[in-house]
Structure formats: C-alpha cells, structure tokens
Amino acid sequence: MKNLLILLTLLLMGVSAPAQNKPATTTPPAVVSLVEGITDKRFLPDTAFAALSEEDQTLLAKEPVANWGLPQESGQYMTYYNLVIGTRSYQLVVTRAPRSSYPTATLLRFTTPKSKPEPIARGTLRPKEEKPK
C-alpha cells in the first residue's frame, strides 16, 4: 500500500511538471495595436491568456480606438478605459507600482454585465521611440 501511494505521488508530480512549463499563447497583433492606440505607448506583452476567442479578436479589431471611454483614474497608481459592445465589455487597466519605472497594462473581458473579469493579455508599457527624420 505504501509503495502504491509513493507511485501515485510520483505519477502526479510527473504529470503536473510539464503542465507548468507550457509556453504561453502569443498575444495577437490586433490586441497589441489596440493597447498601443489607446495608451499611445509601446505595448510589450509578457503574458497572454487563453480567454481571447476569435470573436473577441474580430470585435476588438473592428472597433475604433475612439469608441473606448476616456481614461478614468482610480487612485494614484491606476487608470482604466472601458469599451461596451452589446452585453460584452472590455476594460484596459493600467497600473504603475510606486517604485516601478514602467506601467503595466492588463486587458480584461466581461462576457455579461455580472460576470467576473477574464484576463486577455498583460504587459508593460514603454515610451514610443522617436523615428529619426
């Protein structure tokens, strides 16, 4: 019985180790350009989540940046932007840690008005580099 328990534990450890090392899905260019258009900064995604569907990509790609709400501050270190399309809404949250040099942007999706937010992408915002003329 003790050997069976040890074997089961080793088997579970072996199955969970590869699951933790899966590469993250890449952030679609439409999402990157959207965040850059809203914030006017270069967006460097570091985490992509599987919550982004084909429908989300289509909706976000065809919605102009002008349809996003004006930036709203929530405290000293957080700003957010909202977009509502039917019953689905998106929120771009920009946070800056007090000692951090670059802010972090997180794109969230709400499928219904009462649903919990689902993260789509997260990354850092850096100043856009000026192109020499």
C-alpha atoms as a PDB file:
ATOM      1  CA  MET A   1       0.000   0.000   0.000  1.00  0.00           C
ATOM      2  CA  LYS A   2       2.836   2.376   0.859  1.00  0.00           C
ATOM      3  CA  ASN A   3       4.532   1.648  -2.483  1.00  0.00           C
ATOM      4  CA  LEU A   4       1.280   2.345  -4.306  1.00  0.00           C
ATOM      5  CA  LEU A   5       0.958   5.718  -2.557  1.00  0.00           C
ATOM      6  CA  ILE A   6       4.552   6.633  -3.471  1.00  0.00           C
ATOM      7  CA  LEU A   7       3.972   5.566  -7.081  1.00  0.00           C
ATOM      8  CA  LEU A   8       0.781   7.624  -7.269  1.00  0.00           C
ATOM      9  CA  THR A   9       2.569  10.686  -5.848  1.00  0.00           C
ATOM     10  CA  LEU A  10       5.417  10.364  -8.350  1.00  0.00           C
ATOM     11  CA  LEU A  11       2.967   9.923 -11.188  1.00  0.00           C
ATOM     12  CA  LEU A  12       1.066  13.076 -10.205  1.00  0.00           C
ATOM     13  CA  MET A  13       4.296  15.056  -9.917  1.00  0.00           C
ATOM     14  CA  GLY A  14       5.364  13.873 -13.360  1.00  0.00           C
ATOM     15  CA  VAL A  15       2.064  14.919 -14.928  1.00  0.00           C
ATOM     16  CA  SER A  16       1.960  18.347 -13.282  1.00  0.00           C
ATOM     17  CA  ALA A  17       5.546  19.348 -14.147  1.00  0.00           C
ATOM     18  CA  PRO A  18       5.042  19.561 -17.942  1.00  0.00           C
ATOM     19  CA  ALA A  19       1.741  21.400 -17.458  1.00  0.00           C
ATOM     20  CA  GLN A  20       3.550  24.209 -15.627  1.00  0.00           C
ATOM     21  CA  ASN A  21       6.114  24.577 -18.411  1.00  0.00           C
ATOM     22  CA  LYS A  22       3.678  25.088 -21.295  1.00  0.00           C
ATOM     23  CA  PRO A  23       4.554  28.158 -23.351  1.00  0.00           C
ATOM     24  CA  ALA A  24       2.014  30.945 -23.142  1.00  0.00           C
ATOM     25  CA  THR A  25      -0.072  31.641 -26.186  1.00  0.00           C
ATOM     26  CA  THR A  26       1.125  34.647 -28.133  1.00  0.00           C
ATOM     27  CA  THR A  27      -0.743  37.907 -27.983  1.00  0.00           C
ATOM     28  CA  PRO A  28      -2.385  38.668 -31.347  1.00  0.00           C
ATOM     29  CA  PRO A  29      -1.137  41.771 -33.182  1.00  0.00           C
ATOM     30  CA  ALA A  30      -4.671  43.233 -33.106  1.00  0.00           C
ATOM     31  CA  VAL A  31      -4.565  43.315 -29.293  1.00  0.00           C
ATOM     32  CA  VAL A  32      -1.062  44.824 -29.255  1.00  0.00           C
ATOM     33  CA  SER A  33      -2.016  47.590 -31.706  1.00  0.00           C
ATOM     34  CA  LEU A  34      -5.246  48.227 -29.771  1.00  0.00           C
ATOM     35  CA  VAL A  35      -3.421  48.768 -26.467  1.00  0.00           C
ATOM     36  CA  GLU A  36      -0.808  50.927 -28.205  1.00  0.00           C
ATOM     37  CA  GLY A  37      -3.535  53.017 -29.851  1.00  0.00           C
ATOM     38  CA  ILE A  38      -5.383  53.607 -26.581  1.00  0.00           C
ATOM     39  CA  THR A  39      -2.366  54.411 -24.418  1.00  0.00           C
ATOM     40  CA  ASP A  40      -0.098  55.945 -27.092  1.00  0.00           C
ATOM     41  CA  LYS A  41       2.766  53.856 -25.701  1.00  0.00           C
ATOM     42  CA  ARG A  42       4.585  50.754 -26.949  1.00  0.00           C
ATOM     43  CA  PHE A  43       2.959  47.603 -25.507  1.00  0.00           C
ATOM     44  CA  LEU A  44       5.287  44.680 -24.756  1.00  0.00           C
ATOM     45  CA  PRO A  45       3.096  41.704 -23.821  1.00  0.00           C
ATOM     46  CA  ASP A  46       4.574  39.304 -21.300  1.00  0.00           C
ATOM     47  CA  THR A  47       1.510  37.156 -20.619  1.00  0.00           C
ATOM     48  CA  ALA A  48      -1.247  36.002 -22.947  1.00  0.00           C
ATOM     49  CA  PHE A  49      -4.266  34.179 -21.666  1.00  0.00           C
ATOM     50  CA  ALA A  50      -6.441  31.645 -23.442  1.00  0.00           C
ATOM     51  CA  ALA A  51      -9.586  33.700 -22.794  1.00  0.00           C
ATOM     52  CA  LEU A  52      -9.251  35.549 -26.120  1.00  0.00           C
ATOM     53  CA  SER A  53     -11.564  33.997 -28.702  1.00  0.00           C
ATOM     54  CA  GLU A  54     -11.847  34.569 -32.445  1.00  0.00           C
ATOM     55  CA  GLU A  55     -14.978  36.632 -31.774  1.00  0.00           C
ATOM     56  CA  ASP A  56     -13.023  38.864 -29.374  1.00  0.00           C
ATOM     57  CA  GLN A  57     -10.285  39.398 -31.936  1.00  0.00           C
ATOM     58  CA  THR A  58     -12.842  40.340 -34.575  1.00  0.00           C
ATOM     59  CA  LEU A  59     -14.718  42.713 -32.263  1.00  0.00           C
ATOM     60  CA  LEU A  60     -11.570  44.401 -30.977  1.00  0.00           C
ATOM     61  CA  ALA A  61     -10.032  44.738 -34.444  1.00  0.00           C
ATOM     62  CA  LYS A  62     -13.052  46.472 -35.975  1.00  0.00           C
ATOM     63  CA  GLU A  63     -13.827  48.812 -33.053  1.00  0.00           C
ATOM     64  CA  PRO A  64     -12.008  52.124 -33.435  1.00  0.00           C
ATOM     65  CA  VAL A  65      -9.964  53.454 -30.557  1.00  0.00           C
ATOM     66  CA  ALA A  66     -12.339  56.423 -30.405  1.00  0.00           C
ATOM     67  CA  ASN A  67     -15.111  54.144 -29.088  1.00  0.00           C
ATOM     68  CA  TRP A  68     -13.144  53.414 -25.917  1.00  0.00           C
ATOM     69  CA  GLY A  69     -14.050  55.524 -22.904  1.00  0.00           C
ATOM     70  CA  LEU A  70     -11.872  58.345 -21.664  1.00  0.00           C
ATOM     71  CA  PRO A  71      -9.227  57.389 -19.100  1.00  0.00           C
ATOM     72  CA  GLN A  72     -10.588  57.245 -15.568  1.00  0.00           C
ATOM     73  CA  GLU A  73      -8.299  57.349 -12.577  1.00  0.00           C
ATOM     74  CA  SER A  74      -8.849  55.089  -9.621  1.00  0.00           C
ATOM     75  CA  GLY A  75      -6.363  56.207  -7.039  1.00  0.00           C
ATOM     76  CA  GLN A  76      -2.886  57.488  -7.662  1.00  0.00           C
ATOM     77  CA  TYR A  77      -1.485  54.419  -9.422  1.00  0.00           C
ATOM     78  CA  MET A  78      -4.353  53.052 -11.567  1.00  0.00           C
ATOM     79  CA  THR A  79      -6.132  54.223 -14.714  1.00  0.00           C
ATOM     80  CA  TYR A  80      -8.712  52.321 -16.725  1.00  0.00           C
ATOM     81  CA  TYR A  81     -10.515  52.569 -20.064  1.00  0.00           C
ATOM     82  CA  ASN A  82     -13.868  50.890 -20.910  1.00  0.00           C
ATOM     83  CA  LEU A  83     -15.471  49.604 -24.116  1.00  0.00           C
ATOM     84  CA  VAL A  84     -19.001  48.176 -24.213  1.00  0.00           C
ATOM     85  CA  ILE A  85     -20.281  46.189 -27.212  1.00  0.00           C
ATOM     86  CA  GLY A  86     -23.765  44.812 -26.590  1.00  0.00           C
ATOM     87  CA  THR A  87     -23.629  42.732 -23.408  1.00  0.00           C
ATOM     88  CA  ARG A  88     -19.881  42.171 -23.711  1.00  0.00           C
ATOM     89  CA  SER A  89     -17.461  44.730 -22.339  1.00  0.00           C
ATOM     90  CA  TYR A  90     -13.712  45.161 -22.201  1.00  0.00           C
ATOM     91  CA  GLN A  91     -11.539  47.073 -19.784  1.00  0.00           C
ATOM     92  CA  LEU A  92      -7.924  48.138 -20.132  1.00  0.00           C
ATOM     93  CA  VAL A  93      -6.368  48.637 -16.699  1.00  0.00           C
ATOM     94  CA  VAL A  94      -3.055  50.489 -16.477  1.00  0.00           C
ATOM     95  CA  THR A  95      -1.254  50.278 -13.141  1.00  0.00           C
ATOM     96  CA  ARG A  96       2.029  51.740 -12.022  1.00  0.00           C
ATOM     97  CA  ALA A  97       3.794  50.406  -8.960  1.00  0.00           C
ATOM     98  CA  PRO A  98       5.218  53.211  -6.797  1.00  0.00           C
ATOM     99  CA  ARG A  99       8.823  52.172  -7.440  1.00  0.00           C
ATOM    100  CA  SER A 100       8.405  50.822 -10.972  1.00  0.00           C
ATOM    101  CA  SER A 101       9.756  52.688 -13.965  1.00  0.00           C
ATOM    102  CA  TYR A 102       7.174  51.337 -16.441  1.00  0.00           C
ATOM    103  CA  PRO A 103       3.423  50.841 -16.029  1.00  0.00           C
ATOM    104  CA  THR A 104       1.677  47.508 -16.588  1.00  0.00           C
ATOM    105  CA  ALA A 105      -1.391  47.183 -18.816  1.00  0.00           C
ATOM    106  CA  THR A 106      -3.958  44.387 -18.480  1.00  0.00           C
ATOM    107  CA  LEU A 107      -6.804  43.846 -20.945  1.00  0.00           C
ATOM    108  CA  LEU A 108      -9.898  42.262 -19.358  1.00  0.00           C
ATOM    109  CA  ARG A 109     -13.128  40.894 -20.816  1.00  0.00           C
ATOM    110  CA  PHE A 110     -16.577  40.729 -19.184  1.00  0.00           C
ATOM    111  CA  THR A 111     -18.901  38.415 -21.144  1.00  0.00           C
ATOM    112  CA  THR A 112     -22.028  39.517 -19.257  1.00  0.00           C
ATOM    113  CA  PRO A 113     -22.672  42.518 -17.019  1.00  0.00           C
ATOM    114  CA  LYS A 114     -22.479  40.331 -13.886  1.00  0.00           C
ATOM    115  CA  SER A 115     -19.600  38.051 -14.925  1.00  0.00           C
ATOM    116  CA  LYS A 116     -16.141  38.026 -13.394  1.00  0.00           C
ATOM    117  CA  PRO A 117     -13.384  39.644 -15.453  1.00  0.00           C
ATOM    118  CA  GLU A 118     -11.365  37.314 -17.671  1.00  0.00           C
ATOM    119  CA  PRO A 119      -7.806  38.467 -18.454  1.00  0.00           C
ATOM    120  CA  ILE A 120      -6.859  38.529 -22.129  1.00  0.00           C
ATOM    121  CA  ALA A 121      -3.338  39.980 -22.145  1.00  0.00           C
ATOM    122  CA  ARG A 122      -0.870  41.699 -19.843  1.00  0.00           C
ATOM    123  CA  GLY A 123       2.378  43.517 -20.498  1.00  0.00           C
ATOM    124  CA  THR A 124       4.468  46.600 -19.881  1.00  0.00           C
ATOM    125  CA  LEU A 125       4.052  49.988 -21.493  1.00  0.00           C
ATOM    126  CA  ARG A 126       7.167  51.776 -22.670  1.00  0.00           C
ATOM    127  CA  PRO A 127       7.570  55.149 -24.328  1.00  0.00           C
ATOM    128  CA  LYS A 128       7.383  55.052 -28.119  1.00  0.00           C
ATOM    129  CA  GLU A 129      10.758  55.530 -29.715  1.00  0.00           C
ATOM    130  CA  GLU A 130      11.042  58.571 -31.923  1.00  0.00           C
ATOM    131  CA  LYS A 131      11.928  57.768 -35.513  1.00  0.00           C
ATOM    132  CA  PRO A 132      14.775  59.901 -36.910  1.00  0.00           C
ATOM    133  CA  LYS A 133      13.753  62.074 -39.860  1.00  0.00           C
END
